[in-house]
Amino acid sequence: MKKWLIISSCLGALLASTQTSGLLRSVIELAAFGCLLWLVLGGQRNSSQKTH
């Protein structure tokens, strides 16, 4: 499930960045990067809690 969420967020950010330019584009890419970091780091934290 998480793989599809990451893939869809990447595709959404790619589509949004191709349709915009300038400051809005950089804000969209920064938000997408933050979302991906949150998904990856949140997944690592959840998997480490399950093993304990």
PDB file of N, CA and C in Angstrom:
ATOM      1  N   MET A   1       0.828  -1.196   0.000  1.00  0.00           N
ATOM      2  CA  MET A   1       0.000   0.000   0.000  1.00  0.00           C
ATOM      3  C   MET A   1       0.868   1.253   0.000  1.00  0.00           C
ATOM      4  N   LYS A   2       1.926   1.260   0.812  1.00  0.00           N
ATOM      5  CA  LYS A   2       2.763   2.456   0.917  1.00  0.00           C
ATOM      6  C   LYS A   2       3.508   2.724  -0.383  1.00  0.00           C
ATOM      7  N   LYS A   3       3.860   1.662  -1.126  1.00  0.00           N
ATOM      8  CA  LYS A   3       4.546   1.868  -2.402  1.00  0.00           C
ATOM      9  C   LYS A   3       3.659   2.630  -3.370  1.00  0.00           C
ATOM     10  N   TRP A   4       2.381   2.294  -3.406  1.00  0.00           N
ATOM     11  CA  TRP A   4       1.456   2.987  -4.305  1.00  0.00           C
ATOM     12  C   TRP A   4       1.257   4.431  -3.876  1.00  0.00           C
ATOM     13  N   LEU A   5       1.284   4.696  -2.597  1.00  0.00           N
ATOM     14  CA  LEU A   5       1.151   6.059  -2.109  1.00  0.00           C
ATOM     15  C   LEU A   5       2.367   6.893  -2.516  1.00  0.00           C
ATOM     16  N   ILE A   6       3.552   6.324  -2.422  1.00  0.00           N
ATOM     17  CA  ILE A   6       4.770   7.028  -2.823  1.00  0.00           C
ATOM     18  C   ILE A   6       4.772   7.275  -4.330  1.00  0.00           C
ATOM     19  N   ILE A   7       4.406   6.267  -5.098  1.00  0.00           N
ATOM     20  CA  ILE A   7       4.385   6.411  -6.556  1.00  0.00           C
ATOM     21  C   ILE A   7       3.362   7.450  -6.984  1.00  0.00           C
ATOM     22  N   SER A   8       2.177   7.427  -6.384  1.00  0.00           N
ATOM     23  CA  SER A   8       1.148   8.389  -6.767  1.00  0.00           C
ATOM     24  C   SER A   8       1.519   9.807  -6.348  1.00  0.00           C
ATOM     25  N   SER A   9       2.181   9.969  -5.217  1.00  0.00           N
ATOM     26  CA  SER A   9       2.598  11.313  -4.823  1.00  0.00           C
ATOM     27  C   SER A   9       3.704  11.836  -5.736  1.00  0.00           C
ATOM     28  N   CYS A  10       4.593  10.950  -6.191  1.00  0.00           N
ATOM     29  CA  CYS A  10       5.623  11.371  -7.147  1.00  0.00           C
ATOM     30  C   CYS A  10       4.998  11.785  -8.475  1.00  0.00           C
ATOM     31  N   LEU A  11       4.049  11.008  -8.945  1.00  0.00           N
ATOM     32  CA  LEU A  11       3.388  11.351 -10.200  1.00  0.00           C
ATOM     33  C   LEU A  11       2.588  12.652 -10.081  1.00  0.00           C
ATOM     34  N   GLY A  12       1.934  12.841  -8.954  1.00  0.00           N
ATOM     35  CA  GLY A  12       1.182  14.083  -8.733  1.00  0.00           C
ATOM     36  C   GLY A  12       2.089  15.293  -8.683  1.00  0.00           C
ATOM     37  N   ALA A  13       3.229  15.171  -8.019  1.00  0.00           N
ATOM     38  CA  ALA A  13       4.179  16.279  -7.954  1.00  0.00           C
ATOM     39  C   ALA A  13       4.780  16.562  -9.328  1.00  0.00           C
ATOM     40  N   LEU A  14       5.059  15.509 -10.088  1.00  0.00           N
ATOM     41  CA  LEU A  14       5.596  15.682 -11.431  1.00  0.00           C
ATOM     42  C   LEU A  14       4.590  16.391 -12.332  1.00  0.00           C
ATOM     43  N   LEU A  15       3.345  15.979 -12.276  1.00  0.00           N
ATOM     44  CA  LEU A  15       2.303  16.610 -13.079  1.00  0.00           C
ATOM     45  C   LEU A  15       2.100  18.066 -12.679  1.00  0.00           C
ATOM     46  N   ALA A  16       2.073  18.336 -11.374  1.00  0.00           N
ATOM     47  CA  ALA A  16       1.880  19.705 -10.904  1.00  0.00           C
ATOM     48  C   ALA A  16       3.058  20.595 -11.270  1.00  0.00           C
ATOM     49  N   SER A  17       4.273  20.059 -11.214  1.00  0.00           N
ATOM     50  CA  SER A  17       5.431  20.896 -11.526  1.00  0.00           C
ATOM     51  C   SER A  17       5.544  21.178 -13.018  1.00  0.00           C
ATOM     52  N   THR A  18       5.011  20.287 -13.860  1.00  0.00           N
ATOM     53  CA  THR A  18       5.051  20.573 -15.290  1.00  0.00           C
ATOM     54  C   THR A  18       3.995  21.596 -15.691  1.00  0.00           C
ATOM     55  N   GLN A  19       2.954  21.742 -14.895  1.00  0.00           N
ATOM     56  CA  GLN A  19       1.879  22.678 -15.227  1.00  0.00           C
ATOM     57  C   GLN A  19       2.094  24.070 -14.636  1.00  0.00           C
ATOM     58  N   THR A  20       3.091  24.232 -13.776  1.00  0.00           N
ATOM     59  CA  THR A  20       3.334  25.521 -13.141  1.00  0.00           C
ATOM     60  C   THR A  20       4.775  25.945 -13.368  1.00  0.00           C
ATOM     61  N   SER A  21       5.104  27.151 -12.928  1.00  0.00           N
ATOM     62  CA  SER A  21       6.479  27.627 -13.067  1.00  0.00           C
ATOM     63  C   SER A  21       6.799  28.575 -11.926  1.00  0.00           C
ATOM     64  N   GLY A  22       8.086  28.811 -11.732  1.00  0.00           N
ATOM     65  CA  GLY A  22       8.526  29.799 -10.762  1.00  0.00           C
ATOM     66  C   GLY A  22       8.401  29.353  -9.328  1.00  0.00           C
ATOM     67  N   LEU A  23       7.953  30.267  -8.485  1.00  0.00           N
ATOM     68  CA  LEU A  23       7.884  30.039  -7.048  1.00  0.00           C
ATOM     69  C   LEU A  23       6.892  28.932  -6.700  1.00  0.00           C
ATOM     70  N   LEU A  24       5.765  28.887  -7.378  1.00  0.00           N
ATOM     71  CA  LEU A  24       4.768  27.850  -7.097  1.00  0.00           C
ATOM     72  C   LEU A  24       5.335  26.466  -7.370  1.00  0.00           C
ATOM     73  N   ARG A  25       6.127  26.355  -8.424  1.00  0.00           N
ATOM     74  CA  ARG A  25       6.734  25.064  -8.761  1.00  0.00           C
ATOM     75  C   ARG A  25       7.697  24.619  -7.661  1.00  0.00           C
ATOM     76  N   SER A  26       8.497  25.536  -7.154  1.00  0.00           N
ATOM     77  CA  SER A  26       9.445  25.161  -6.099  1.00  0.00           C
ATOM     78  C   SER A  26       8.720  24.807  -4.808  1.00  0.00           C
ATOM     79  N   VAL A  27       7.604  25.463  -4.518  1.00  0.00           N
ATOM     80  CA  VAL A  27       6.822  25.127  -3.326  1.00  0.00           C
ATOM     81  C   VAL A  27       6.216  23.732  -3.470  1.00  0.00           C
ATOM     82  N   ILE A  28       5.713  23.404  -4.649  1.00  0.00           N
ATOM     83  CA  ILE A  28       5.144  22.076  -4.896  1.00  0.00           C
ATOM     84  C   ILE A  28       6.214  21.002  -4.738  1.00  0.00           C
ATOM     85  N   GLU A  29       7.398  21.242  -5.299  1.00  0.00           N
ATOM     86  CA  GLU A  29       8.469  20.256  -5.196  1.00  0.00           C
ATOM     87  C   GLU A  29       8.965  20.117  -3.763  1.00  0.00           C
ATOM     88  N   LEU A  30       9.020  21.212  -3.017  1.00  0.00           N
ATOM     89  CA  LEU A  30       9.416  21.140  -1.613  1.00  0.00           C
ATOM     90  C   LEU A  30       8.386  20.359  -0.795  1.00  0.00           C
ATOM     91  N   ALA A  31       7.112  20.576  -1.063  1.00  0.00           N
ATOM     92  CA  ALA A  31       6.063  19.837  -0.357  1.00  0.00           C
ATOM     93  C   ALA A  31       6.120  18.352  -0.698  1.00  0.00           C
ATOM     94  N   ALA A  32       6.377  18.029  -1.958  1.00  0.00           N
ATOM     95  CA  ALA A  32       6.488  16.626  -2.357  1.00  0.00           C
ATOM     96  C   ALA A  32       7.682  15.962  -1.696  1.00  0.00           C
ATOM     97  N   PHE A  33       8.798  16.659  -1.629  1.00  0.00           N
ATOM     98  CA  PHE A  33       9.988  16.122  -0.970  1.00  0.00           C
ATOM     99  C   PHE A  33       9.721  15.888   0.515  1.00  0.00           C
ATOM    100  N   GLY A  34       9.055  16.823   1.165  1.00  0.00           N
ATOM    101  CA  GLY A  34       8.717  16.665   2.579  1.00  0.00           C
ATOM    102  C   GLY A  34       7.772  15.501   2.805  1.00  0.00           C
ATOM    103  N   CYS A  35       6.823  15.339   1.906  1.00  0.00           N
ATOM    104  CA  CYS A  35       5.873  14.225   2.008  1.00  0.00           C
ATOM    105  C   CYS A  35       6.589  12.882   1.859  1.00  0.00           C
ATOM    106  N   LEU A  36       7.497  12.804   0.900  1.00  0.00           N
ATOM    107  CA  LEU A  36       8.244  11.560   0.715  1.00  0.00           C
ATOM    108  C   LEU A  36       9.126  11.252   1.920  1.00  0.00           C
ATOM    109  N   LEU A  37       9.777  12.271   2.463  1.00  0.00           N
ATOM    110  CA  LEU A  37      10.578  12.050   3.672  1.00  0.00           C
ATOM    111  C   LEU A  37       9.711  11.562   4.824  1.00  0.00           C
ATOM    112  N   TRP A  38       8.546  12.152   4.970  1.00  0.00           N
ATOM    113  CA  TRP A  38       7.629  11.762   6.045  1.00  0.00           C
ATOM    114  C   TRP A  38       7.191  10.311   5.865  1.00  0.00           C
ATOM    115  N   LEU A  39       6.892   9.922   4.624  1.00  0.00           N
ATOM    116  CA  LEU A  39       6.481   8.538   4.368  1.00  0.00           C
ATOM    117  C   LEU A  39       7.607   7.558   4.654  1.00  0.00           C
ATOM    118  N   VAL A  40       8.805   7.889   4.208  1.00  0.00           N
ATOM    119  CA  VAL A  40       9.937   6.972   4.390  1.00  0.00           C
ATOM    120  C   VAL A  40      10.329   6.885   5.862  1.00  0.00           C
ATOM    121  N   LEU A  41      10.484   8.020   6.513  1.00  0.00           N
ATOM    122  CA  LEU A  41      10.892   7.999   7.918  1.00  0.00           C
ATOM    123  C   LEU A  41       9.795   7.463   8.818  1.00  0.00           C
ATOM    124  N   GLY A  42       8.548   7.727   8.494  1.00  0.00           N
ATOM    125  CA  GLY A  42       7.432   7.178   9.265  1.00  0.00           C
ATOM    126  C   GLY A  42       7.345   5.674   9.115  1.00  0.00           C
ATOM    127  N   GLY A  43       7.666   5.161   7.931  1.00  0.00           N
ATOM    128  CA  GLY A  43       7.667   3.726   7.703  1.00  0.00           C
ATOM    129  C   GLY A  43       8.770   3.031   8.460  1.00  0.00           C
ATOM    130  N   GLN A  44       9.928   3.670   8.558  1.00  0.00           N
ATOM    131  CA  GLN A  44      11.028   3.082   9.318  1.00  0.00           C
ATOM    132  C   GLN A  44      10.705   3.059  10.798  1.00  0.00           C
ATOM    133  N   ARG A  45      10.068   4.097  11.301  1.00  0.00           N
ATOM    134  CA  ARG A  45       9.719   4.152  12.713  1.00  0.00           C
ATOM    135  C   ARG A  45       8.663   3.099  13.045  1.00  0.00           C
ATOM    136  N   ASN A  46       7.685   2.923  12.158  1.00  0.00           N
ATOM    137  CA  ASN A  46       6.646   1.924  12.401  1.00  0.00           C
ATOM    138  C   ASN A  46       7.202   0.510  12.352  1.00  0.00           C
ATOM    139  N   SER A  47       8.126   0.246  11.438  1.00  0.00           N
ATOM    140  CA  SER A  47       8.687  -1.099  11.343  1.00  0.00           C
ATOM    141  C   SER A  47       9.587  -1.401  12.530  1.00  0.00           C
ATOM    142  N   SER A  48      10.257  -0.398  13.086  1.00  0.00           N
ATOM    143  CA  SER A  48      11.099  -0.647  14.249  1.00  0.00           C
ATOM    144  C   SER A  48      10.253  -0.868  15.505  1.00  0.00           C
ATOM    145  N   GLN A  49       9.080  -0.271  15.570  1.00  0.00           N
ATOM    146  CA  GLN A  49       8.202  -0.473  16.714  1.00  0.00           C
ATOM    147  C   GLN A  49       7.575  -1.863  16.688  1.00  0.00           C
ATOM    148  N   LYS A  50       7.352  -2.401  15.501  1.00  0.00           N
ATOM    149  CA  LYS A  50       6.740  -3.727  15.402  1.00  0.00           C
ATOM    150  C   LYS A  50       7.697  -4.822  15.865  1.00  0.00           C
ATOM    151  N   THR A  51       8.997  -4.613  15.696  1.00  0.00           N
ATOM    152  CA  THR A  51       9.953  -5.657  16.063  1.00  0.00           C
ATOM    153  C   THR A  51      10.198  -5.726  17.564  1.00  0.00           C
ATOM    154  N   HIS A  52       9.871  -4.665  18.298  1.00  0.00           N
ATOM    155  CA  HIS A  52      10.129  -4.657  19.744  1.00  0.00           C
ATOM    156  C   HIS A  52       8.993  -5.222  20.505  1.00  0.00           C
TER     157      HIS A  52
END
